[in-house]
């Protein structure tokens, strides 16, 4: 018994050891697109790889089990889905041998097809468990090839891709606008599509420690933030107006497309691309301006789920929520933050706008202004949410003795009420700054 406990202690102590005091390297992939000037050769490669990927997916699907179970909840019957995907090491050998017999491409494309098939199934399983897709076999809609590092060779400003033994395709970025920007960076796995080739370059982010904190509460037309000393409101009315005008035009195009077949579908596709590109352009410019204003900062954003918001919202509010792009802002911010020595944390938004940051009381109903019925704390609902996100990010629950600079008022000790009546946090309200970005 003593010997067994000693061994367990030694194995546990090994896991607790620090292998290196150097911070882990963080890499960012900057992706740029070049025009595909070899469409005929590329089309053959994409078709053969799609067949290979489809056969790998069929093989794995035959060994995948989908189980459904009906459970009773408060609102009625609920279907519970369980998906069991075969383990890779159990089916890899047989699947690889089967694909090698029908593979007309280089041998390494078989390994990539197996990895991509598992990725497709795992992504489908996540959405199937949430009830967002059907329980049938996932289909391959987009045709593309992701080239492994063993199938490409970089020479100066060109990448040579192996199709078959002694058969290659070469793509160059020597005359592209981003040539100087990617000079000295390592090329990742290129993605080949019918019209474009996407080149991801690896950029090693400098190891810097974020010094400041910023908690962000996402609302319909603003981002309300708290940085530990003051409240900052970033206006997103320009983005909201852009989405509103495009959605209005798109509605007219949809009615036209329902009557004019192919021509209508092409026009609808054109406006969909226009909406996506304009919104992403605005988001990237906004995030760049935000990171220039707050470098070396830890950002705390809400982990939002728009699908759950639609359940309890009215029709008018649902339309407003559908025009928001919170997730896009958070993704771009998370992608670009390491370039400025910053990082992004996601915080659970549950009860952040209804909790008192002084005594922890949770109010059932909250209007435009949050008023704590226990201690009398009073603050704008959106600013109160950003303050609670800040406290969650810093690891402080709603305890007594929180430093006064966080709230702008002196916190109460215990749960006793104030004899003078409700306290208006005018000091905190006065620390609000509005920032409007004129992005064109």
Protein backbone atom coordinates (compact mmCIF):
# COMPACT_ATOMS: atom_id res chain seq x y z
CA UNK A 1 0.00 0.00 0.00
CA UNK A 2 2.84 2.38 0.87
CA UNK A 3 4.65 1.56 -2.38
CA UNK A 4 1.50 2.18 -4.48
CA UNK A 5 0.78 5.52 -2.81
CA UNK A 6 4.41 6.57 -3.34
CA UNK A 7 4.16 5.81 -7.07
CA UNK A 8 0.93 7.77 -7.37
CA UNK A 9 2.52 10.71 -5.56
CA UNK A 10 5.53 10.65 -7.90
CA UNK A 11 3.36 10.53 -11.04
CA UNK A 12 1.24 13.42 -9.72
CA UNK A 13 4.33 15.46 -8.91
CA UNK A 14 5.67 14.95 -12.45
CA UNK A 15 2.45 16.39 -13.87
CA UNK A 16 2.79 19.43 -11.63
CA UNK A 17 6.32 20.23 -12.78
CA UNK A 18 6.95 23.24 -14.99
CA UNK A 19 8.84 22.16 -18.09
CA UNK A 20 9.74 25.69 -19.11
CA UNK A 21 9.40 29.14 -17.59
CA UNK A 22 9.10 30.69 -21.06
CA UNK A 23 5.50 31.62 -22.04
CA UNK A 24 3.94 29.43 -24.76
CA UNK A 25 4.23 30.70 -28.33
CA UNK A 26 1.04 32.06 -29.86
CA UNK A 27 0.68 32.05 -33.63
CA UNK A 28 -1.73 33.89 -35.90
CA UNK A 29 -2.51 32.84 -39.45
CA UNK A 30 -2.88 35.76 -41.85
CA UNK A 31 -4.77 34.46 -44.90
CA UNK A 32 -4.59 36.09 -48.33
CA UNK A 33 -6.16 35.04 -51.63
CA UNK A 34 -4.63 34.88 -55.11
CA UNK A 35 -6.43 34.30 -58.38
CA UNK A 36 -6.47 30.71 -59.60
CA UNK A 37 -4.92 30.91 -63.08
CA UNK A 38 -4.87 27.11 -63.55
CA UNK A 39 -8.58 26.36 -63.42
CA UNK A 40 -8.63 23.27 -65.65
CA UNK A 41 -5.89 21.41 -63.77
CA UNK A 42 -7.31 22.56 -60.44
CA UNK A 43 -10.83 21.41 -61.35
CA UNK A 44 -9.58 17.86 -61.95
CA UNK A 45 -7.75 17.88 -58.62
CA UNK A 46 -10.83 19.15 -56.75
CA UNK A 47 -13.15 16.58 -58.37
CA UNK A 48 -10.88 13.63 -57.59
CA UNK A 49 -10.33 14.81 -54.02
CA UNK A 50 -14.07 15.33 -53.50
CA UNK A 51 -14.71 11.73 -54.61
CA UNK A 52 -12.03 10.54 -52.21
CA UNK A 53 -13.50 12.57 -49.35
CA UNK A 54 -17.02 11.34 -50.17
CA UNK A 55 -15.93 7.68 -50.01
CA UNK A 56 -14.16 8.26 -46.70
CA UNK A 57 -17.30 9.92 -45.34
CA UNK A 58 -19.49 7.02 -46.55
CA UNK A 59 -17.20 4.50 -44.83
CA UNK A 60 -17.28 6.39 -41.54
CA UNK A 61 -21.02 7.01 -41.73
CA UNK A 62 -21.71 3.26 -41.95
CA UNK A 63 -19.86 2.85 -38.65
CA UNK A 64 -21.51 5.87 -36.95
CA UNK A 65 -24.41 5.27 -34.56
CA UNK A 66 -27.21 7.83 -34.07
CA UNK A 67 -29.46 7.22 -31.07
CA UNK A 68 -32.52 9.28 -30.15
CA UNK A 69 -34.31 9.30 -26.84
CA UNK A 70 -37.47 11.22 -25.89
CA UNK A 71 -37.46 12.90 -22.49
CA UNK A 72 -40.15 14.86 -20.68
CA UNK A 73 -39.38 18.48 -19.75
CA UNK A 74 -41.51 21.32 -18.39
CA UNK A 75 -42.57 22.56 -21.84
CA UNK A 76 -43.37 19.09 -23.23
CA UNK A 77 -41.46 16.31 -24.97
CA UNK A 78 -37.82 16.79 -25.89
CA UNK A 79 -35.76 14.61 -28.23
CA UNK A 80 -32.28 13.81 -26.97
CA UNK A 81 -29.73 12.88 -29.64
CA UNK A 82 -26.60 10.80 -29.05
CA UNK A 83 -24.03 10.38 -31.85
CA UNK A 84 -21.16 7.88 -31.55
CA UNK A 85 -18.38 8.33 -34.14
CA UNK A 86 -15.82 5.50 -34.56
CA UNK A 87 -12.36 6.16 -33.19
CA UNK A 88 -9.74 7.05 -35.75
CA UNK A 89 -7.14 4.48 -34.69
CA UNK A 90 -9.72 1.66 -34.94
CA UNK A 91 -10.78 2.31 -38.55
CA UNK A 92 -7.76 4.13 -39.98
CA UNK A 93 -5.88 1.12 -41.39
CA UNK A 94 -8.85 -0.47 -43.18
CA UNK A 95 -10.10 2.88 -44.49
CA UNK A 96 -6.68 3.86 -45.82
CA UNK A 97 -6.21 0.56 -47.65
CA UNK A 98 -9.62 0.90 -49.27
CA UNK A 99 -8.99 4.46 -50.43
CA UNK A 100 -5.52 3.68 -51.77
CA UNK A 101 -7.05 1.23 -54.26
CA UNK A 102 -9.20 3.93 -55.89
CA UNK A 103 -6.93 6.95 -55.37
CA UNK A 104 -5.60 8.53 -58.60
CA UNK A 105 -3.76 11.31 -56.73
CA UNK A 106 -0.62 11.36 -54.59
CA UNK A 107 -0.71 9.04 -51.59
CA UNK A 108 -0.76 11.80 -48.96
CA UNK A 109 -4.20 12.99 -50.19
CA UNK A 110 -5.65 9.82 -48.63
CA UNK A 111 -4.48 10.88 -45.15
CA UNK A 112 -5.91 14.35 -45.67
CA UNK A 113 -9.25 13.00 -46.88
CA UNK A 114 -9.55 10.81 -43.75
CA UNK A 115 -8.76 13.76 -41.45
CA UNK A 116 -11.26 16.01 -43.28
CA UNK A 117 -13.96 13.32 -43.13
CA UNK A 118 -13.56 13.08 -39.34
CA UNK A 119 -13.70 16.90 -39.11
CA UNK A 120 -16.95 16.99 -41.11
CA UNK A 121 -18.54 14.33 -38.89
CA UNK A 122 -17.46 16.01 -35.64
CA UNK A 123 -18.80 19.37 -36.81
CA UNK A 124 -22.08 17.74 -37.86
CA UNK A 125 -22.35 15.95 -34.49
CA UNK A 126 -22.16 19.23 -32.55
CA UNK A 127 -25.00 20.75 -34.57
CA UNK A 128 -27.08 17.53 -34.53
CA UNK A 129 -26.97 17.35 -30.72
CA UNK A 130 -28.25 20.95 -30.57
CA UNK A 131 -31.02 20.11 -33.08
CA UNK A 132 -29.80 22.49 -35.79
CA UNK A 133 -29.39 19.92 -38.61
CA UNK A 134 -31.15 16.78 -39.76
CA UNK A 135 -29.97 13.38 -38.54
CA UNK A 136 -29.14 12.19 -42.05
CA UNK A 137 -25.65 11.83 -43.49
CA UNK A 138 -23.91 15.23 -43.92
CA UNK A 139 -23.42 16.31 -47.53
CA UNK A 140 -20.36 17.87 -49.12
CA UNK A 141 -21.53 21.14 -50.65
CA UNK A 142 -18.34 23.13 -51.13
CA UNK A 143 -15.59 21.70 -53.28
CA UNK A 144 -12.06 22.52 -52.15
CA UNK A 145 -8.68 20.92 -51.41
CA UNK A 146 -6.59 21.67 -48.32
CA UNK A 147 -2.98 20.81 -49.21
CA UNK A 148 -0.82 19.13 -46.56
CA UNK A 149 2.62 20.47 -45.77
CA UNK A 150 4.13 17.28 -47.26
CA UNK A 151 2.47 18.06 -50.62
CA UNK A 152 3.72 21.62 -51.04
CA UNK A 153 7.11 23.24 -51.40
CA UNK A 154 7.81 26.98 -51.08
CA UNK A 155 10.45 28.52 -53.33
CA UNK A 156 10.89 32.32 -53.01
CA UNK A 157 7.42 33.77 -53.70
CA UNK A 158 5.91 30.58 -55.13
CA UNK A 159 4.35 27.43 -53.76
CA UNK A 160 4.56 24.17 -55.71
CA UNK A 161 1.71 21.70 -55.05
CA UNK A 162 2.06 18.00 -55.89
CA UNK A 163 -0.97 16.53 -57.69
CA UNK A 164 0.44 13.15 -58.75
CA UNK A 165 4.01 11.85 -58.64
CA UNK A 166 6.08 14.20 -60.87
CA UNK A 167 3.01 16.34 -61.66
CA UNK A 168 2.82 19.79 -60.03
CA UNK A 169 0.83 23.04 -59.88
CA UNK A 170 2.58 26.33 -59.08
CA UNK A 171 0.95 29.43 -57.59
CA UNK A 172 2.80 32.72 -57.11
CA UNK A 173 2.22 35.80 -54.95
CA UNK A 174 5.28 37.73 -56.17
CA UNK A 175 3.17 40.49 -57.79
CA UNK A 176 0.44 40.65 -55.16
CA UNK A 177 -0.17 43.64 -52.89
CA UNK A 178 0.60 41.65 -49.72
CA UNK A 179 4.06 40.50 -50.87
CA UNK A 180 6.00 42.72 -48.43
CA UNK A 181 3.60 42.03 -45.60
CA UNK A 182 4.25 38.25 -45.66
CA UNK A 183 7.97 38.50 -46.27
CA UNK A 184 9.75 36.11 -43.88
CA UNK A 185 6.53 34.39 -42.68
CA UNK A 186 5.98 30.64 -42.85
CA UNK A 187 3.32 29.31 -45.25
CA UNK A 188 0.72 26.95 -43.78
CA UNK A 189 -1.64 24.62 -45.67
CA UNK A 190 -2.96 26.29 -48.87
CA UNK A 191 -6.66 25.89 -49.71
CA UNK A 192 -7.43 25.49 -53.41
CA UNK A 193 -10.86 26.41 -54.78
CA UNK A 194 -12.14 26.73 -58.33
CA UNK A 195 -11.64 30.48 -58.61
CA UNK A 196 -9.11 31.34 -55.86
CA UNK A 197 -6.22 29.92 -53.84
CA UNK A 198 -6.06 30.90 -50.16
CA UNK A 199 -2.58 31.17 -48.63
CA UNK A 200 -2.35 31.15 -44.78
CA UNK A 201 0.90 32.63 -43.46
CA UNK A 202 1.98 31.97 -39.88
CA UNK A 203 2.87 34.98 -37.76
CA UNK A 204 4.42 34.43 -34.32
CA UNK A 205 2.87 36.91 -31.92
CA UNK A 206 5.30 38.71 -29.60
CA UNK A 207 5.20 37.51 -25.99
CA UNK A 208 3.76 40.48 -24.10
CA UNK A 209 1.70 40.64 -20.93
CA UNK A 210 -1.61 42.57 -21.16
CA UNK A 211 -1.58 45.42 -18.67
CA UNK A 212 -5.16 46.76 -18.86
CA UNK A 213 -8.63 45.23 -18.70
CA UNK A 214 -11.78 46.02 -20.67
CA UNK A 215 -15.15 44.33 -20.09
CA UNK A 216 -17.54 44.65 -23.06
CA UNK A 217 -21.34 44.28 -22.97
CA UNK A 218 -22.84 43.82 -26.46
CA UNK A 219 -26.13 45.61 -27.20
CA UNK A 220 -28.23 46.30 -30.30
CA UNK A 221 -26.52 49.51 -31.40
CA UNK A 222 -23.68 49.98 -28.87
CA UNK A 223 -20.86 48.21 -27.10
CA UNK A 224 -20.79 49.33 -23.48
CA UNK A 225 -17.46 48.74 -21.76
CA UNK A 226 -15.79 49.25 -18.38
CA UNK A 227 -12.00 49.51 -18.01
CA UNK A 228 -11.69 49.66 -14.20
CA UNK A 229 -11.88 53.46 -13.99
CA UNK A 230 -14.55 54.64 -16.41
CA UNK A 231 -17.38 53.48 -18.63
CA UNK A 232 -16.93 53.72 -22.41
CA UNK A 233 -19.74 53.42 -24.96
CA UNK A 234 -18.82 52.54 -28.56
CA UNK A 235 -21.52 53.41 -31.06
CA UNK A 236 -22.43 50.78 -33.69
CA UNK A 237 -25.29 52.74 -35.26
CA UNK A 238 -23.41 52.94 -38.57
CA UNK A 239 -23.13 49.16 -38.73
CA UNK A 240 -26.76 48.71 -37.67
CA UNK A 241 -27.93 51.17 -40.36
CA UNK A 242 -25.80 49.38 -42.95
CA UNK A 243 -27.38 46.03 -42.08
CA UNK A 244 -30.87 47.56 -42.07
CA UNK A 245 -30.52 49.14 -45.53
CA UNK A 246 -29.01 46.00 -47.08
CA UNK A 247 -31.67 43.73 -45.56
CA UNK A 248 -34.36 46.02 -46.97
CA UNK A 249 -32.85 45.84 -50.47
CA UNK A 250 -32.34 42.12 -50.12
CA UNK A 251 -36.04 41.65 -49.35
CA UNK A 252 -36.97 43.24 -52.68
CA UNK A 253 -34.37 41.11 -54.47
CA UNK A 254 -35.79 37.94 -52.87
CA UNK A 255 -39.28 38.69 -54.18
CA UNK A 256 -37.75 39.31 -57.63
CA UNK A 257 -35.71 36.07 -57.43
CA UNK A 258 -38.82 33.99 -56.66
CA UNK A 259 -40.26 34.95 -60.07
CA UNK A 260 -37.21 35.05 -62.36
CA UNK A 261 -35.40 31.75 -61.83
CA UNK A 262 -31.68 31.70 -62.64
CA UNK A 263 -31.39 35.47 -63.16
CA UNK A 264 -33.02 36.10 -59.80
CA UNK A 265 -30.73 33.62 -58.03
CA UNK A 266 -27.63 35.29 -59.48
CA UNK A 267 -28.87 38.71 -58.35
CA UNK A 268 -29.62 37.37 -54.86
CA UNK A 269 -26.14 35.84 -54.66
CA UNK A 270 -24.63 39.17 -55.69
CA UNK A 271 -26.44 41.08 -52.92
CA UNK A 272 -25.61 38.39 -50.34
CA UNK A 273 -21.88 38.74 -51.16
CA UNK A 274 -22.18 42.53 -51.04
CA UNK A 275 -23.77 42.41 -47.59
CA UNK A 276 -21.13 40.04 -46.23
CA UNK A 277 -18.21 42.04 -47.61
CA UNK A 278 -19.47 45.44 -46.43
CA UNK A 279 -20.25 44.18 -42.94
CA UNK A 280 -16.86 42.46 -42.60
CA UNK A 281 -15.09 45.57 -43.88
CA UNK A 282 -16.83 47.67 -41.20
CA UNK A 283 -16.11 45.12 -38.47
CA UNK A 284 -12.39 44.89 -39.35
CA UNK A 285 -11.99 48.69 -39.35
CA UNK A 286 -13.87 49.01 -36.06
CA UNK A 287 -11.76 46.31 -34.38
CA UNK A 288 -8.54 47.93 -35.68
CA UNK A 289 -9.58 51.27 -34.17
CA UNK A 290 -10.54 49.58 -30.89
CA UNK A 291 -7.21 47.74 -30.59
CA UNK A 292 -5.24 50.90 -31.38
CA UNK A 293 -7.12 52.63 -28.60
CA UNK A 294 -6.61 49.72 -26.14
CA UNK A 295 -3.31 47.91 -26.86
CA UNK A 296 -1.92 45.39 -24.35
CA UNK A 297 -5.41 44.78 -22.96
CA UNK A 298 -7.37 41.75 -21.80
CA UNK A 299 -10.86 41.98 -23.36
CA UNK A 300 -13.78 40.20 -21.71
CA UNK A 301 -16.71 39.56 -24.08
CA UNK A 302 -19.98 37.71 -23.61
CA UNK A 303 -20.43 34.14 -24.81
CA UNK A 304 -23.69 34.84 -26.67
CA UNK A 305 -26.15 32.42 -28.28
CA UNK A 306 -28.52 34.23 -30.65
CA UNK A 307 -30.70 31.16 -31.21
CA UNK A 308 -31.74 31.10 -27.55
CA UNK A 309 -32.54 34.84 -27.68
CA UNK A 310 -35.17 34.31 -30.38
CA UNK A 311 -37.22 31.94 -28.17
CA UNK A 312 -38.51 34.58 -25.73
CA UNK A 313 -38.27 37.65 -28.01
CA UNK A 314 -41.13 39.29 -29.86
CA UNK A 315 -41.21 39.49 -33.66
CA UNK A 316 -39.95 43.08 -33.69
CA UNK A 317 -37.11 42.34 -31.28
CA UNK A 318 -36.19 39.16 -33.18
CA UNK A 319 -35.74 41.18 -36.37
CA UNK A 320 -33.47 43.61 -34.52
CA UNK A 321 -31.41 40.79 -33.02
CA UNK A 322 -31.00 39.16 -36.44
CA UNK A 323 -29.32 42.35 -37.72
CA UNK A 324 -26.63 42.26 -35.04
CA UNK A 325 -23.12 40.90 -35.74
CA UNK A 326 -21.84 40.37 -32.20
CA UNK A 327 -20.20 37.05 -33.00
CA UNK A 328 -18.36 38.49 -36.00
CA UNK A 329 -16.96 41.34 -33.86
CA UNK A 330 -15.84 38.88 -31.18
CA UNK A 331 -14.19 36.54 -33.73
CA UNK A 332 -12.28 39.32 -35.47
CA UNK A 333 -11.26 40.77 -32.11
CA UNK A 334 -10.00 37.37 -30.96
CA UNK A 335 -8.13 36.92 -34.24
CA UNK A 336 -6.40 40.31 -34.24
CA UNK A 337 -5.83 40.85 -30.50
CA UNK A 338 -2.45 39.01 -30.34
CA UNK A 339 -1.08 41.38 -33.00
CA UNK A 340 -1.42 44.18 -30.42
CA UNK A 341 -0.24 42.12 -27.43
CA UNK A 342 -3.83 41.65 -26.22
CA UNK A 343 -6.05 38.66 -25.58
CA UNK A 344 -9.78 37.90 -25.41
CA UNK A 345 -11.69 36.02 -22.70
CA UNK A 346 -15.29 34.82 -22.99
CA UNK A 347 -17.57 35.27 -19.99
CA UNK A 348 -20.96 33.73 -19.30
CA UNK A 349 -23.49 36.61 -19.61
CA UNK A 350 -26.03 34.96 -17.29
CA UNK A 351 -27.62 37.55 -14.91
CA UNK A 352 -24.98 40.20 -15.66
CA UNK A 353 -27.60 42.92 -16.28
CA UNK A 354 -29.83 41.89 -13.35
CA UNK A 355 -27.24 41.45 -10.59
CA UNK A 356 -26.11 44.10 -8.15
CA UNK A 357 -22.31 44.51 -8.27
CA UNK A 358 -22.26 45.64 -4.63
CA UNK A 359 -24.33 43.11 -2.69
CA UNK A 360 -25.08 40.42 -5.32
CA UNK A 361 -28.89 40.84 -5.21
CA UNK A 362 -30.62 39.56 -8.39
CA UNK A 363 -33.60 41.60 -9.56
CA UNK A 364 -36.46 39.87 -11.36
CA UNK A 365 -37.40 42.84 -13.53
CA UNK A 366 -34.97 45.37 -14.95
CA UNK A 367 -35.88 48.35 -17.08
CA UNK A 368 -33.54 50.88 -18.61
CA UNK A 369 -32.04 51.52 -15.18
CA UNK A 370 -31.06 48.83 -12.68
CA UNK A 371 -32.15 49.55 -9.10
CA UNK A 372 -31.12 47.17 -6.33
CA UNK A 373 -34.00 46.62 -3.91
CA UNK A 374 -31.63 45.49 -1.17
CA UNK A 375 -28.90 48.15 -0.99
CA UNK A 376 -30.31 50.89 -3.25
CA UNK A 377 -27.55 50.79 -5.86
CA UNK A 378 -28.69 52.48 -9.08
CA UNK A 379 -27.04 52.34 -12.50
CA UNK A 380 -27.85 52.13 -16.20
CA UNK A 381 -28.67 48.51 -17.10
CA UNK A 382 -26.06 48.24 -19.88
CA UNK A 383 -23.33 49.83 -17.77
CA UNK A 384 -24.25 47.53 -14.91
CA UNK A 385 -23.80 44.51 -17.21
CA UNK A 386 -20.32 45.66 -18.28
CA UNK A 387 -19.38 46.19 -14.63
CA UNK A 388 -20.47 42.65 -13.70
CA UNK A 389 -18.56 41.23 -16.67
CA UNK A 390 -15.49 43.06 -15.38
CA UNK A 391 -15.93 41.48 -11.95
CA UNK A 392 -16.34 38.02 -13.49
CA UNK A 393 -13.22 38.50 -15.62
CA UNK A 394 -11.16 39.51 -12.58
CA UNK A 395 -12.38 36.44 -10.71
CA UNK A 396 -14.28 38.37 -8.04
CA UNK A 397 -17.81 37.20 -7.20
CA UNK A 398 -20.28 39.64 -5.71
CA UNK A 399 -18.67 39.86 -2.28
CA UNK A 400 -18.52 42.58 0.32
CA UNK A 401 -15.50 44.82 0.34
CA UNK A 402 -15.08 45.31 -3.41
CA UNK A 403 -12.75 48.29 -4.04
CA UNK A 404 -14.76 51.47 -4.50
CA UNK A 405 -13.02 52.52 -7.71
CA UNK A 406 -14.73 49.69 -9.58
CA UNK A 407 -18.20 51.02 -8.93
CA UNK A 408 -17.67 54.67 -8.09
CA UNK A 409 -19.45 54.37 -4.72
CA UNK A 410 -18.49 52.90 -1.34
CA UNK A 411 -19.81 49.33 -1.04
CA UNK A 412 -21.98 48.36 1.90
CA UNK A 413 -20.84 45.89 4.52
CA UNK A 414 -23.25 42.99 5.08
CA UNK A 415 -26.88 43.09 3.99
CA UNK A 416 -28.16 46.06 5.95
CA UNK A 417 -30.24 48.65 4.16
CA UNK A 418 -29.36 52.32 3.89
CA UNK A 419 -31.34 54.57 6.22
CA UNK A 420 -30.97 57.55 3.91
CA UNK A 421 -32.81 55.74 1.11
CA UNK A 422 -31.58 54.49 -2.28
CA UNK A 423 -28.14 55.73 -3.30
CA UNK A 424 -27.80 57.10 -6.82
CA UNK A 425 -24.33 56.25 -8.23
CA UNK A 426 -23.87 59.64 -9.89
CA UNK A 427 -20.12 59.32 -9.64
CA UNK A 428 -20.22 56.13 -11.74
CA UNK A 429 -22.69 57.65 -14.21
CA UNK A 430 -20.43 60.64 -14.64
CA UNK A 431 -17.52 58.42 -15.69
CA UNK A 432 -19.19 57.58 -19.00
CA UNK A 433 -17.51 58.44 -22.31
CA UNK A 434 -19.20 58.12 -25.71
CA UNK A 435 -17.05 57.20 -28.71
CA UNK A 436 -18.43 57.35 -32.24
CA UNK A 437 -16.51 55.94 -35.19
CA UNK A 438 -17.11 57.44 -38.61
CA UNK A 439 -16.00 54.46 -40.72
CA UNK A 440 -16.60 54.64 -44.45
